[in-house]
Amino acid sequence: MISHIDHVVLTVSDIEVTLNFYRRALLMEEIAFGNGRKALRFGAQKINLQTLGQEPRNRAQVGSGDLCLITQWNLKDVVAHLVSENVEIVEGPVRKSGAVGEIESVYFLDPDENLIEVSVYK
C-alpha cells in the first residue's frame, strides 16, 4: 500500500536557525511552500518545518524528532564535513540495522536536540 516517505515534519524553536544548520551541516536546500512555510529538500524528499503550536493537528514537541538519513558519501567524508562545520558527533561510527539491511551510522543533535543519524548501507 505505501511506497515511500514524501516528507516528515520537525517542530523547531526557530525556523531560520534550523534552516541555517541543515543547509550548513547536511547541504540541504531551503524551499518555500504554501503560505510562506519553509522546508529542507534533499533528493526526492523534504523536511517541513513548523514552530510549536503552528499546526494544531500535530502534537510533536520541539526536539522530539529522530531521523535516519542515508548518504551516498563515504562516512569518513561525512564525519570530516560535520567536524569542519563544528557539529559534535554524539555517537559513531557504529553499525546498525536499516530498513533494507546493515548500515553504518554517525549521530548528532540539531539546534533543538533532534537526534539526526547519517548512515551508509554496507
PDB file of N, CA and C in Angstrom:
ATOM      1  N   MET A   1       0.819  -1.200   0.000  1.00  0.00           N
ATOM      2  CA  MET A   1       0.000   0.000   0.000  1.00  0.00           C
ATOM      3  C   MET A   1       0.864   1.265   0.000  1.00  0.00           C
ATOM      4  N   ILE A   2       1.869   1.342   0.851  1.00  0.00           N
ATOM      5  CA  ILE A   2       2.727   2.535   0.943  1.00  0.00           C
ATOM      6  C   ILE A   2       4.028   2.268   0.209  1.00  0.00           C
ATOM      7  N   SER A   3       4.478   3.220  -0.603  1.00  0.00           N
ATOM      8  CA  SER A   3       5.709   3.007  -1.366  1.00  0.00           C
ATOM      9  C   SER A   3       6.920   3.743  -0.813  1.00  0.00           C
ATOM     10  N   HIS A   4       6.731   4.905  -0.178  1.00  0.00           N
ATOM     11  CA  HIS A   4       7.871   5.658   0.347  1.00  0.00           C
ATOM     12  C   HIS A   4       7.387   6.850   1.170  1.00  0.00           C
ATOM     13  N   ILE A   5       8.314   7.497   1.823  1.00  0.00           N
ATOM     14  CA  ILE A   5       8.009   8.709   2.590  1.00  0.00           C
ATOM     15  C   ILE A   5       8.235   9.915   1.693  1.00  0.00           C
ATOM     16  N   ASP A   6       7.264  10.781   1.612  1.00  0.00           N
ATOM     17  CA  ASP A   6       7.382  12.018   0.837  1.00  0.00           C
ATOM     18  C   ASP A   6       8.062  13.103   1.663  1.00  0.00           C
ATOM     19  N   HIS A   7       7.576  13.295   2.903  1.00  0.00           N
ATOM     20  CA  HIS A   7       8.171  14.293   3.787  1.00  0.00           C
ATOM     21  C   HIS A   7       7.888  13.925   5.240  1.00  0.00           C
ATOM     22  N   VAL A   8       8.682  14.494   6.108  1.00  0.00           N
ATOM     23  CA  VAL A   8       8.444  14.436   7.542  1.00  0.00           C
ATOM     24  C   VAL A   8       8.406  15.882   8.031  1.00  0.00           C
ATOM     25  N   VAL A   9       7.931  16.080   9.247  1.00  0.00           N
ATOM     26  CA  VAL A   9       7.822  17.422   9.810  1.00  0.00           C
ATOM     27  C   VAL A   9       8.594  17.463  11.120  1.00  0.00           C
ATOM     28  N   LEU A  10       9.409  18.492  11.281  1.00  0.00           N
ATOM     29  CA  LEU A  10      10.081  18.734  12.553  1.00  0.00           C
ATOM     30  C   LEU A  10       9.490  19.989  13.178  1.00  0.00           C
ATOM     31  N   THR A  11       9.199  19.910  14.456  1.00  0.00           N
ATOM     32  CA  THR A  11       8.762  21.063  15.228  1.00  0.00           C
ATOM     33  C   THR A  11      10.006  21.671  15.857  1.00  0.00           C
ATOM     34  N   VAL A  12      10.256  22.939  15.555  1.00  0.00           N
ATOM     35  CA  VAL A  12      11.500  23.592  15.958  1.00  0.00           C
ATOM     36  C   VAL A  12      11.214  24.907  16.675  1.00  0.00           C
ATOM     37  N   SER A  13      12.191  25.384  17.413  1.00  0.00           N
ATOM     38  CA  SER A  13      12.002  26.636  18.145  1.00  0.00           C
ATOM     39  C   SER A  13      12.241  27.858  17.266  1.00  0.00           C
ATOM     40  N   ASP A  14      13.113  27.738  16.260  1.00  0.00           N
ATOM     41  CA  ASP A  14      13.436  28.873  15.390  1.00  0.00           C
ATOM     42  C   ASP A  14      13.701  28.331  13.984  1.00  0.00           C
ATOM     43  N   ILE A  15      12.808  28.615  13.066  1.00  0.00           N
ATOM     44  CA  ILE A  15      12.913  28.063  11.715  1.00  0.00           C
ATOM     45  C   ILE A  15      14.183  28.538  11.019  1.00  0.00           C
ATOM     46  N   GLU A  16      14.552  29.797  11.151  1.00  0.00           N
ATOM     47  CA  GLU A  16      15.756  30.302  10.474  1.00  0.00           C
ATOM     48  C   GLU A  16      17.027  29.633  11.005  1.00  0.00           C
ATOM     49  N   VAL A  17      17.112  29.429  12.311  1.00  0.00           N
ATOM     50  CA  VAL A  17      18.267  28.737  12.893  1.00  0.00           C
ATOM     51  C   VAL A  17      18.340  27.311  12.353  1.00  0.00           C
ATOM     52  N   THR A  18      17.191  26.644  12.287  1.00  0.00           N
ATOM     53  CA  THR A  18      17.143  25.278  11.774  1.00  0.00           C
ATOM     54  C   THR A  18      17.539  25.226  10.306  1.00  0.00           C
ATOM     55  N   LEU A  19      16.999  26.134   9.500  1.00  0.00           N
ATOM     56  CA  LEU A  19      17.367  26.178   8.078  1.00  0.00           C
ATOM     57  C   LEU A  19      18.869  26.349   7.910  1.00  0.00           C
ATOM     58  N   ASN A  20      19.443  27.273   8.649  1.00  0.00           N
ATOM     59  CA  ASN A  20      20.878  27.527   8.555  1.00  0.00           C
ATOM     60  C   ASN A  20      21.682  26.282   8.919  1.00  0.00           C
ATOM     61  N   PHE A  21      21.306  25.609  10.000  1.00  0.00           N
ATOM     62  CA  PHE A  21      22.026  24.419  10.441  1.00  0.00           C
ATOM     63  C   PHE A  21      21.993  23.323   9.377  1.00  0.00           C
ATOM     64  N   TYR A  22      20.819  22.993   8.860  1.00  0.00           N
ATOM     65  CA  TYR A  22      20.698  21.893   7.902  1.00  0.00           C
ATOM     66  C   TYR A  22      21.336  22.239   6.551  1.00  0.00           C
ATOM     67  N   ARG A  23      21.268  23.515   6.146  1.00  0.00           N
ATOM     68  CA  ARG A  23      21.966  23.918   4.912  1.00  0.00           C
ATOM     69  C   ARG A  23      23.467  23.743   5.082  1.00  0.00           C
ATOM     70  N   ARG A  24      23.977  24.134   6.234  1.00  0.00           N
ATOM     71  CA  ARG A  24      25.413  24.095   6.506  1.00  0.00           C
ATOM     72  C   ARG A  24      25.890  22.672   6.792  1.00  0.00           C
ATOM     73  N   ALA A  25      25.231  21.978   7.706  1.00  0.00           N
ATOM     74  CA  ALA A  25      25.702  20.672   8.170  1.00  0.00           C
ATOM     75  C   ALA A  25      25.416  19.547   7.185  1.00  0.00           C
ATOM     76  N   LEU A  26      24.273  19.609   6.501  1.00  0.00           N
ATOM     77  CA  LEU A  26      23.876  18.498   5.633  1.00  0.00           C
ATOM     78  C   LEU A  26      23.658  18.915   4.184  1.00  0.00           C
ATOM     79  N   LEU A  27      23.991  20.161   3.869  1.00  0.00           N
ATOM     80  CA  LEU A  27      23.920  20.675   2.496  1.00  0.00           C
ATOM     81  C   LEU A  27      22.538  20.520   1.874  1.00  0.00           C
ATOM     82  N   MET A  28      21.504  20.657   2.694  1.00  0.00           N
ATOM     83  CA  MET A  28      20.134  20.581   2.198  1.00  0.00           C
ATOM     84  C   MET A  28      19.731  21.920   1.599  1.00  0.00           C
ATOM     85  N   GLU A  29      18.721  21.878   0.742  1.00  0.00           N
ATOM     86  CA  GLU A  29      18.237  23.071   0.045  1.00  0.00           C
ATOM     87  C   GLU A  29      16.998  23.614   0.753  1.00  0.00           C
ATOM     88  N   GLU A  30      17.006  24.899   1.054  1.00  0.00           N
ATOM     89  CA  GLU A  30      15.836  25.553   1.628  1.00  0.00           C
ATOM     90  C   GLU A  30      14.816  25.814   0.528  1.00  0.00           C
ATOM     91  N   ILE A  31      13.561  25.464   0.797  1.00  0.00           N
ATOM     92  CA  ILE A  31      12.483  25.787  -0.142  1.00  0.00           C
ATOM     93  C   ILE A  31      11.316  26.378   0.632  1.00  0.00           C
ATOM     94  N   ALA A  32      10.480  27.116  -0.076  1.00  0.00           N
ATOM     95  CA  ALA A  32       9.254  27.669   0.500  1.00  0.00           C
ATOM     96  C   ALA A  32       8.073  26.953  -0.151  1.00  0.00           C
ATOM     97  N   PHE A  33       7.000  26.819   0.605  1.00  0.00           N
ATOM     98  CA  PHE A  33       5.779  26.228   0.054  1.00  0.00           C
ATOM     99  C   PHE A  33       4.593  26.874   0.731  1.00  0.00           C
ATOM    100  N   GLY A  34       3.380  26.515   0.351  1.00  0.00           N
ATOM    101  CA  GLY A  34       2.120  27.051   0.840  1.00  0.00           C
ATOM    102  C   GLY A  34       2.165  28.048   1.980  1.00  0.00           C
ATOM    103  N   ASN A  35       1.702  29.237   1.734  1.00  0.00           N
ATOM    104  CA  ASN A  35       1.576  30.292   2.754  1.00  0.00           C
ATOM    105  C   ASN A  35       2.886  30.649   3.436  1.00  0.00           C
ATOM    106  N   GLY A  36       4.004  30.578   2.703  1.00  0.00           N
ATOM    107  CA  GLY A  36       5.289  31.003   3.246  1.00  0.00           C
ATOM    108  C   GLY A  36       5.964  30.026   4.187  1.00  0.00           C
ATOM    109  N   ARG A  37       5.477  28.794   4.258  1.00  0.00           N
ATOM    110  CA  ARG A  37       6.143  27.788   5.094  1.00  0.00           C
ATOM    111  C   ARG A  37       7.500  27.454   4.509  1.00  0.00           C
ATOM    112  N   LYS A  38       8.373  26.885   5.333  1.00  0.00           N
ATOM    113  CA  LYS A  38       9.730  26.538   4.916  1.00  0.00           C
ATOM    114  C   LYS A  38       9.958  25.044   5.063  1.00  0.00           C
ATOM    115  N   ALA A  39      10.838  24.536   4.200  1.00  0.00           N
ATOM    116  CA  ALA A  39      11.204  23.128   4.236  1.00  0.00           C
ATOM    117  C   ALA A  39      12.647  22.990   3.775  1.00  0.00           C
ATOM    118  N   LEU A  40      13.186  21.816   4.009  1.00  0.00           N
ATOM    119  CA  LEU A  40      14.528  21.451   3.566  1.00  0.00           C
ATOM    120  C   LEU A  40      14.385  20.292   2.598  1.00  0.00           C
ATOM    121  N   ARG A  41      14.882  20.483   1.364  1.00  0.00           N
ATOM    122  CA  ARG A  41      14.762  19.436   0.361  1.00  0.00           C
ATOM    123  C   ARG A  41      16.105  18.749   0.164  1.00  0.00           C
ATOM    124  N   PHE A  42      16.037  17.434  -0.030  1.00  0.00           N
ATOM    125  CA  PHE A  42      17.208  16.624  -0.350  1.00  0.00           C
ATOM    126  C   PHE A  42      16.704  15.457  -1.176  1.00  0.00           C
ATOM    127  N   GLY A  43      17.308  15.227  -2.341  1.00  0.00           N
ATOM    128  CA  GLY A  43      16.822  14.170  -3.220  1.00  0.00           C
ATOM    129  C   GLY A  43      15.357  14.396  -3.538  1.00  0.00           C
ATOM    130  N   ALA A  44      14.544  13.355  -3.404  1.00  0.00           N
ATOM    131  CA  ALA A  44      13.111  13.431  -3.699  1.00  0.00           C
ATOM    132  C   ALA A  44      12.277  13.534  -2.426  1.00  0.00           C
ATOM    133  N   GLN A  45      12.881  13.971  -1.324  1.00  0.00           N
ATOM    134  CA  GLN A  45      12.177  14.098  -0.055  1.00  0.00           C
ATOM    135  C   GLN A  45      12.372  15.509   0.502  1.00  0.00           C
ATOM    136  N   LYS A  46      11.587  15.792   1.551  1.00  0.00           N
ATOM    137  CA  LYS A  46      11.777  17.059   2.237  1.00  0.00           C
ATOM    138  C   LYS A  46      11.400  16.928   3.697  1.00  0.00           C
ATOM    139  N   ILE A  47      11.933  17.862   4.472  1.00  0.00           N
ATOM    140  CA  ILE A  47      11.592  18.010   5.882  1.00  0.00           C
ATOM    141  C   ILE A  47      10.874  19.344   6.005  1.00  0.00           C
ATOM    142  N   ASN A  48       9.588  19.301   6.322  1.00  0.00           N
ATOM    143  CA  ASN A  48       8.841  20.526   6.573  1.00  0.00           C
ATOM    144  C   ASN A  48       9.149  20.993   7.990  1.00  0.00           C
ATOM    145  N   LEU A  49       9.195  22.302   8.165  1.00  0.00           N
ATOM    146  CA  LEU A  49       9.485  22.871   9.485  1.00  0.00           C
ATOM    147  C   LEU A  49       8.269  23.621  10.002  1.00  0.00           C
ATOM    148  N   GLN A  50       8.033  23.474  11.290  1.00  0.00           N
ATOM    149  CA  GLN A  50       6.955  24.213  11.948  1.00  0.00           C
ATOM    150  C   GLN A  50       7.404  24.591  13.340  1.00  0.00           C
ATOM    151  N   THR A  51       6.816  25.646  13.867  1.00  0.00           N
ATOM    152  CA  THR A  51       7.066  26.019  15.253  1.00  0.00           C
ATOM    153  C   THR A  51       5.981  25.402  16.124  1.00  0.00           C
ATOM    154  N   LEU A  52       6.261  25.327  17.404  1.00  0.00           N
ATOM    155  CA  LEU A  52       5.325  24.737  18.360  1.00  0.00           C
ATOM    156  C   LEU A  52       3.971  25.441  18.274  1.00  0.00           C
ATOM    157  N   GLY A  53       2.910  24.660  18.071  1.00  0.00           N
ATOM    158  CA  GLY A  53       1.563  25.202  18.001  1.00  0.00           C
ATOM    159  C   GLY A  53       1.148  25.699  16.629  1.00  0.00           C
ATOM    160  N   GLN A  54       2.053  25.726  15.678  1.00  0.00           N
ATOM    161  CA  GLN A  54       1.730  26.213  14.332  1.00  0.00           C
ATOM    162  C   GLN A  54       0.699  25.308  13.652  1.00  0.00           C
ATOM    163  N   GLU A  55       0.810  24.024  13.872  1.00  0.00           N
ATOM    164  CA  GLU A  55      -0.117  23.053  13.270  1.00  0.00           C
ATOM    165  C   GLU A  55      -0.858  22.349  14.398  1.00  0.00           C
ATOM    166  N   PRO A  56      -2.098  22.746  14.679  1.00  0.00           N
ATOM    167  CA  PRO A  56      -2.815  22.194  15.832  1.00  0.00           C
ATOM    168  C   PRO A  56      -3.072  20.690  15.776  1.00  0.00           C
ATOM    169  N   ARG A  57      -3.067  20.082  14.584  1.00  0.00           N
ATOM    170  CA  ARG A  57      -3.273  18.626  14.488  1.00  0.00           C
ATOM    171  C   ARG A  57      -2.050  17.855  14.947  1.00  0.00           C
ATOM    172  N   ASN A  58      -0.887  18.496  14.933  1.00  0.00           N
ATOM    173  CA  ASN A  58       0.365  17.827  15.252  1.00  0.00           C
ATOM    174  C   ASN A  58       0.682  18.038  16.736  1.00  0.00           C
ATOM    175  N   ARG A  59       0.930  16.963  17.452  1.00  0.00           N
ATOM    176  CA  ARG A  59       1.223  17.037  18.886  1.00  0.00           C
ATOM    177  C   ARG A  59       2.718  16.952  19.185  1.00  0.00           C
ATOM    178  N   ALA A  60       3.554  16.973  18.138  1.00  0.00           N
ATOM    179  CA  ALA A  60       5.006  16.875  18.331  1.00  0.00           C
ATOM    180  C   ALA A  60       5.511  18.052  19.153  1.00  0.00           C
ATOM    181  N   GLN A  61       6.573  17.798  19.874  1.00  0.00           N
ATOM    182  CA  GLN A  61       7.214  18.826  20.686  1.00  0.00           C
ATOM    183  C   GLN A  61       8.555  19.200  20.064  1.00  0.00           C
ATOM    184  N   VAL A  62       9.055  20.355  20.402  1.00  0.00           N
ATOM    185  CA  VAL A  62      10.376  20.774  19.947  1.00  0.00           C
ATOM    186  C   VAL A  62      11.395  19.758  20.451  1.00  0.00           C
ATOM    187  N   GLY A  63      12.232  19.281  19.558  1.00  0.00           N
ATOM    188  CA  GLY A  63      13.287  18.343  19.933  1.00  0.00           C
ATOM    189  C   GLY A  63      12.856  16.899  20.018  1.00  0.00           C
ATOM    190  N   SER A  64      11.659  16.557  19.550  1.00  0.00           N
ATOM    191  CA  SER A  64      11.184  15.173  19.654  1.00  0.00           C
ATOM    192  C   SER A  64      11.520  14.333  18.426  1.00  0.00           C
ATOM    193  N   GLY A  65      12.196  14.933  17.436  1.00  0.00           N
ATOM    194  CA  GLY A  65      12.498  14.212  16.205  1.00  0.00           C
ATOM    195  C   GLY A  65      13.680  13.262  16.341  1.00  0.00           C
ATOM    196  N   ASP A  66      13.660  12.209  15.556  1.00  0.00           N
ATOM    197  CA  ASP A  66      14.741  11.215  15.492  1.00  0.00           C
ATOM    198  C   ASP A  66      14.735  10.699  14.059  1.00  0.00           C
ATOM    199  N   LEU A  67      15.674  11.185  13.238  1.00  0.00           N
ATOM    200  CA  LEU A  67      15.689  10.874  11.815  1.00  0.00           C
ATOM    201  C   LEU A  67      16.932  10.104  11.429  1.00  0.00           C
ATOM    202  N   CYS A  68      16.775   9.150  10.524  1.00  0.00           N
ATOM    203  CA  CYS A  68      17.913   8.468   9.913  1.00  0.00           C
ATOM    204  C   CYS A  68      17.941   8.847   8.439  1.00  0.00           C
ATOM    205  N   LEU A  69      19.040   9.454   8.017  1.00  0.00           N
ATOM    206  CA  LEU A  69      19.208   9.921   6.648  1.00  0.00           C
ATOM    207  C   LEU A  69      20.308   9.110   5.982  1.00  0.00           C
ATOM    208  N   ILE A  70      20.075   8.664   4.773  1.00  0.00           N
ATOM    209  CA  ILE A  70      21.057   7.861   4.034  1.00  0.00           C
ATOM    210  C   ILE A  70      21.878   8.784   3.137  1.00  0.00           C
ATOM    211  N   THR A  71      23.185   8.557   3.131  1.00  0.00           N
ATOM    212  CA  THR A  71      24.082   9.338   2.284  1.00  0.00           C
ATOM    213  C   THR A  71      24.777   8.442   1.263  1.00  0.00           C
ATOM    214  N   GLN A  72      25.161   9.041   0.157  1.00  0.00           N
ATOM    215  CA  GLN A  72      25.990   8.369  -0.832  1.00  0.00           C
ATOM    216  C   GLN A  72      27.464   8.667  -0.575  1.00  0.00           C
ATOM    217  N   TRP A  73      27.743   9.588   0.338  1.00  0.00           N
ATOM    218  CA  TRP A  73      29.123   9.926   0.691  1.00  0.00           C
ATOM    219  C   TRP A  73      29.745   8.792   1.497  1.00  0.00           C
ATOM    220  N   ASN A  74      31.053   8.712   1.465  1.00  0.00           N
ATOM    221  CA  ASN A  74      31.803   7.860   2.379  1.00  0.00           C
ATOM    222  C   ASN A  74      31.588   8.422   3.785  1.00  0.00           C
ATOM    223  N   LEU A  75      31.378   7.558   4.775  1.00  0.00           N
ATOM    224  CA  LEU A  75      31.092   8.036   6.121  1.00  0.00           C
ATOM    225  C   LEU A  75      32.249   8.850   6.701  1.00  0.00           C
ATOM    226  N   LYS A  76      33.491   8.519   6.333  1.00  0.00           N
ATOM    227  CA  LYS A  76      34.631   9.323   6.788  1.00  0.00           C
ATOM    228  C   LYS A  76      34.535  10.748   6.269  1.00  0.00           C
ATOM    229  N   ASP A  77      34.046  10.926   5.047  1.00  0.00           N
ATOM    230  CA  ASP A  77      33.860  12.269   4.490  1.00  0.00           C
ATOM    231  C   ASP A  77      32.727  13.003   5.197  1.00  0.00           C
ATOM    232  N   VAL A  78      31.681  12.282   5.563  1.00  0.00           N
ATOM    233  CA  VAL A  78      30.577  12.880   6.328  1.00  0.00           C
ATOM    234  C   VAL A  78      31.102  13.392   7.667  1.00  0.00           C
ATOM    235  N   VAL A  79      31.850  12.549   8.364  1.00  0.00           N
ATOM    236  CA  VAL A  79      32.407  12.941   9.661  1.00  0.00           C
ATOM    237  C   VAL A  79      33.303  14.165   9.499  1.00  0.00           C
ATOM    238  N   ALA A  80      34.173  14.155   8.498  1.00  0.00           N
ATOM    239  CA  ALA A  80      35.075  15.292   8.271  1.00  0.00           C
ATOM    240  C   ALA A  80      34.283  16.570   8.006  1.00  0.00           C
ATOM    241  N   HIS A  81      33.213  16.464   7.211  1.00  0.00           N
ATOM    242  CA  HIS A  81      32.387  17.638   6.931  1.00  0.00           C
ATOM    243  C   HIS A  81      31.708  18.142   8.200  1.00  0.00           C
ATOM    244  N   LEU A  82      31.120  17.234   8.970  1.00  0.00           N
ATOM    245  CA  LEU A  82      30.453  17.648  10.213  1.00  0.00           C
ATOM    246  C   LEU A  82      31.429  18.317  11.160  1.00  0.00           C
ATOM    247  N   VAL A  83      32.618  17.749  11.310  1.00  0.00           N
ATOM    248  CA  VAL A  83      33.637  18.341  12.181  1.00  0.00           C
ATOM    249  C   VAL A  83      34.014  19.731  11.673  1.00  0.00           C
ATOM    250  N   SER A  84      34.164  19.886  10.350  1.00  0.00           N
ATOM    251  CA  SER A  84      34.526  21.194   9.786  1.00  0.00           C
ATOM    252  C   SER A  84      33.437  22.230  10.021  1.00  0.00           C
ATOM    253  N   GLU A  85      32.196  21.778  10.216  1.00  0.00           N
ATOM    254  CA  GLU A  85      31.075  22.676  10.488  1.00  0.00           C
ATOM    255  C   GLU A  85      30.771  22.779  11.984  1.00  0.00           C
ATOM    256  N   ASN A  86      31.696  22.280  12.814  1.00  0.00           N
ATOM    257  CA  ASN A  86      31.562  22.337  14.283  1.00  0.00           C
ATOM    258  C   ASN A  86      30.311  21.634  14.797  1.00  0.00           C
ATOM    259  N   VAL A  87      29.953  20.521  14.142  1.00  0.00           N
ATOM    260  CA  VAL A  87      28.839  19.697  14.594  1.00  0.00           C
ATOM    261  C   VAL A  87      29.430  18.566  15.422  1.00  0.00           C
ATOM    262  N   GLU A  88      29.018  18.489  16.673  1.00  0.00           N
ATOM    263  CA  GLU A  88      29.536  17.457  17.578  1.00  0.00           C
ATOM    264  C   GLU A  88      28.860  16.119  17.315  1.00  0.00           C
ATOM    265  N   ILE A  89      29.653  15.107  17.031  1.00  0.00           N
ATOM    266  CA  ILE A  89      29.134  13.753  16.848  1.00  0.00           C
ATOM    267  C   ILE A  89      28.949  13.142  18.231  1.00  0.00           C
ATOM    268  N   VAL A  90      27.737  12.661  18.510  1.00  0.00           N
ATOM    269  CA  VAL A  90      27.444  12.107  19.829  1.00  0.00           C
ATOM    270  C   VAL A  90      27.608  10.592  19.886  1.00  0.00           C
ATOM    271  N   GLU A  91      27.635   9.946  18.700  1.00  0.00           N
ATOM    272  CA  GLU A  91      27.892   8.506  18.653  1.00  0.00           C
ATOM    273  C   GLU A  91      28.307   8.130  17.237  1.00  0.00           C
ATOM    274  N   GLY A  92      29.231   7.185  17.162  1.00  0.00           N
ATOM    275  CA  GLY A  92      29.581   6.611  15.869  1.00  0.00           C
ATOM    276  C   GLY A  92      30.966   6.990  15.411  1.00  0.00           C
ATOM    277  N   PRO A  93      31.296   6.346  14.310  1.00  0.00           N
ATOM    278  CA  PRO A  93      30.511   5.419  13.510  1.00  0.00           C
ATOM    279  C   PRO A  93      30.214   4.105  14.240  1.00  0.00           C
ATOM    280  N   VAL A  94      28.983   3.651  14.067  1.00  0.00           N
ATOM    281  CA  VAL A  94      28.522   2.389  14.647  1.00  0.00           C
ATOM    282  C   VAL A  94      27.677   1.653  13.612  1.00  0.00           C
ATOM    283  N   ARG A  95      27.632   0.328  13.726  1.00  0.00           N
ATOM    284  CA  ARG A  95      26.801  -0.485  12.835  1.00  0.00           C
ATOM    285  C   ARG A  95      25.400  -0.606  13.429  1.00  0.00           C
ATOM    286  N   LYS A  96      24.422  -0.461  12.553  1.00  0.00           N
ATOM    287  CA  LYS A  96      23.013  -0.535  12.952  1.00  0.00           C
ATOM    288  C   LYS A  96      22.248  -1.301  11.883  1.00  0.00           C
ATOM    289  N   SER A  97      20.962  -1.446  12.115  1.00  0.00           N
ATOM    290  CA  SER A  97      20.088  -2.113  11.157  1.00  0.00           C
ATOM    291  C   SER A  97      19.209  -1.064  10.492  1.00  0.00           C
ATOM    292  N   GLY A  98      19.310  -0.953   9.156  1.00  0.00           N
ATOM    293  CA  GLY A  98      18.470  -0.028   8.399  1.00  0.00           C
ATOM    294  C   GLY A  98      17.223  -0.723   7.879  1.00  0.00           C
ATOM    295  N   ALA A  99      16.449  -0.017   7.104  1.00  0.00           N
ATOM    296  CA  ALA A  99      15.190  -0.556   6.586  1.00  0.00           C
ATOM    297  C   ALA A  99      15.400  -1.739   5.651  1.00  0.00           C
ATOM    298  N   VAL A 100      16.536  -1.745   4.916  1.00  0.00           N
ATOM    299  CA  VAL A 100      16.747  -2.826   3.953  1.00  0.00           C
ATOM    300  C   VAL A 100      18.101  -3.505   4.124  1.00  0.00           C
ATOM    301  N   GLY A 101      18.698  -3.360   5.296  1.00  0.00           N
ATOM    302  CA  GLY A 101      19.969  -4.031   5.540  1.00  0.00           C
ATOM    303  C   GLY A 101      20.831  -3.302   6.549  1.00  0.00           C
ATOM    304  N   GLU A 102      22.071  -3.768   6.664  1.00  0.00           N
ATOM    305  CA  GLU A 102      23.004  -3.212   7.637  1.00  0.00           C
ATOM    306  C   GLU A 102      23.504  -1.844   7.182  1.00  0.00           C
ATOM    307  N   ILE A 103      23.589  -0.925   8.145  1.00  0.00           N
ATOM    308  CA  ILE A 103      24.099   0.411   7.891  1.00  0.00           C
ATOM    309  C   ILE A 103      25.201   0.743   8.889  1.00  0.00           C
ATOM    310  N   GLU A 104      26.023   1.710   8.533  1.00  0.00           N
ATOM    311  CA  GLU A 104      26.990   2.289   9.459  1.00  0.00           C
ATOM    312  C   GLU A 104      26.581   3.749   9.627  1.00  0.00           C
ATOM    313  N   SER A 105      26.545   4.204  10.879  1.00  0.00           N
ATOM    314  CA  SER A 105      25.926   5.491  11.179  1.00  0.00           C
ATOM    315  C   SER A 105      26.768   6.360  12.100  1.00  0.00           C
ATOM    316  N   VAL A 106      26.545   7.677  11.965  1.00  0.00           N
ATOM    317  CA  VAL A 106      27.003   8.650  12.952  1.00  0.00           C
ATOM    318  C   VAL A 106      25.778   9.438  13.410  1.00  0.00           C
ATOM    319  N   TYR A 107      25.805   9.845  14.663  1.00  0.00           N
ATOM    320  CA  TYR A 107      24.676  10.553  15.272  1.00  0.00           C
ATOM    321  C   TYR A 107      25.134  11.915  15.773  1.00  0.00           C
ATOM    322  N   PHE A 108      24.246  12.898  15.642  1.00  0.00           N
ATOM    323  CA  PHE A 108      24.488  14.225  16.211  1.00  0.00           C
ATOM    324  C   PHE A 108      23.136  14.872  16.491  1.00  0.00           C
ATOM    325  N   LEU A 109      23.170  15.992  17.187  1.00  0.00           N
ATOM    326  CA  LEU A 109      21.951  16.717  17.542  1.00  0.00           C
ATOM    327  C   LEU A 109      21.859  17.996  16.730  1.00  0.00           C
ATOM    328  N   ASP A 110      20.654  18.345  16.329  1.00  0.00           N
ATOM    329  CA  ASP A 110      20.459  19.635  15.666  1.00  0.00           C
ATOM    330  C   ASP A 110      20.256  20.708  16.736  1.00  0.00           C
ATOM    331  N   PRO A 111      20.032  21.961  16.364  1.00  0.00           N
ATOM    332  CA  PRO A 111      19.911  23.020  17.382  1.00  0.00           C
ATOM    333  C   PRO A 111      18.802  22.810  18.414  1.00  0.00           C
ATOM    334  N   ASP A 112      17.769  22.020  18.074  1.00  0.00           N
ATOM    335  CA  ASP A 112      16.681  21.740  19.019  1.00  0.00           C
ATOM    336  C   ASP A 112      16.824  20.392  19.696  1.00  0.00           C
ATOM    337  N   GLU A 113      17.968  19.754  19.514  1.00  0.00           N
ATOM    338  CA  GLU A 113      18.291  18.449  20.088  1.00  0.00           C
ATOM    339  C   GLU A 113      17.480  17.308  19.488  1.00  0.00           C
ATOM    340  N   ASN A 114      17.022  17.489  18.243  1.00  0.00           N
ATOM    341  CA  ASN A 114      16.511  16.351  17.486  1.00  0.00           C
ATOM    342  C   ASN A 114      17.711  15.467  17.192  1.00  0.00           C
ATOM    343  N   LEU A 115      17.545  14.159  17.307  1.00  0.00           N
ATOM    344  CA  LEU A 115      18.632  13.226  17.042  1.00  0.00           C
ATOM    345  C   LEU A 115      18.673  12.926  15.540  1.00  0.00           C
ATOM    346  N   ILE A 116      19.812  13.216  14.926  1.00  0.00           N
ATOM    347  CA  ILE A 116      19.985  13.003  13.495  1.00  0.00           C
ATOM    348  C   ILE A 116      21.041  11.918  13.294  1.00  0.00           C
ATOM    349  N   GLU A 117      20.687  10.928  12.508  1.00  0.00           N
ATOM    350  CA  GLU A 117      21.579   9.816  12.169  1.00  0.00           C
ATOM    351  C   GLU A 117      21.857   9.885  10.675  1.00  0.00           C
ATOM    352  N   VAL A 118      23.129   9.913  10.296  1.00  0.00           N
ATOM    353  CA  VAL A 118      23.508   9.860   8.887  1.00  0.00           C
ATOM    354  C   VAL A 118      24.180   8.524   8.668  1.00  0.00           C
ATOM    355  N   SER A 119      23.711   7.790   7.659  1.00  0.00           N
ATOM    356  CA  SER A 119      24.098   6.390   7.502  1.00  0.00           C
ATOM    357  C   SER A 119      24.464   6.044   6.074  1.00  0.00           C
ATOM    358  N   VAL A 120      25.274   4.976   5.966  1.00  0.00           N
ATOM    359  CA  VAL A 120      25.684   4.383   4.699  1.00  0.00           C
ATOM    360  C   VAL A 120      25.323   2.912   4.767  1.00  0.00           C
ATOM    361  N   TYR A 121      24.669   2.408   3.713  1.00  0.00           N
ATOM    362  CA  TYR A 121      24.414   0.972   3.651  1.00  0.00           C
ATOM    363  C   TYR A 121      25.699   0.241   3.384  1.00  0.00           C
ATOM    364  N   LYS A 122      25.890  -0.907   4.075  1.00  0.00           N
ATOM    365  CA  LYS A 122      27.099  -1.730   3.941  1.00  0.00           C
ATOM    366  C   LYS A 122      26.876  -2.806   2.920  1.00  0.00           C
TER     367      LYS A 122
END
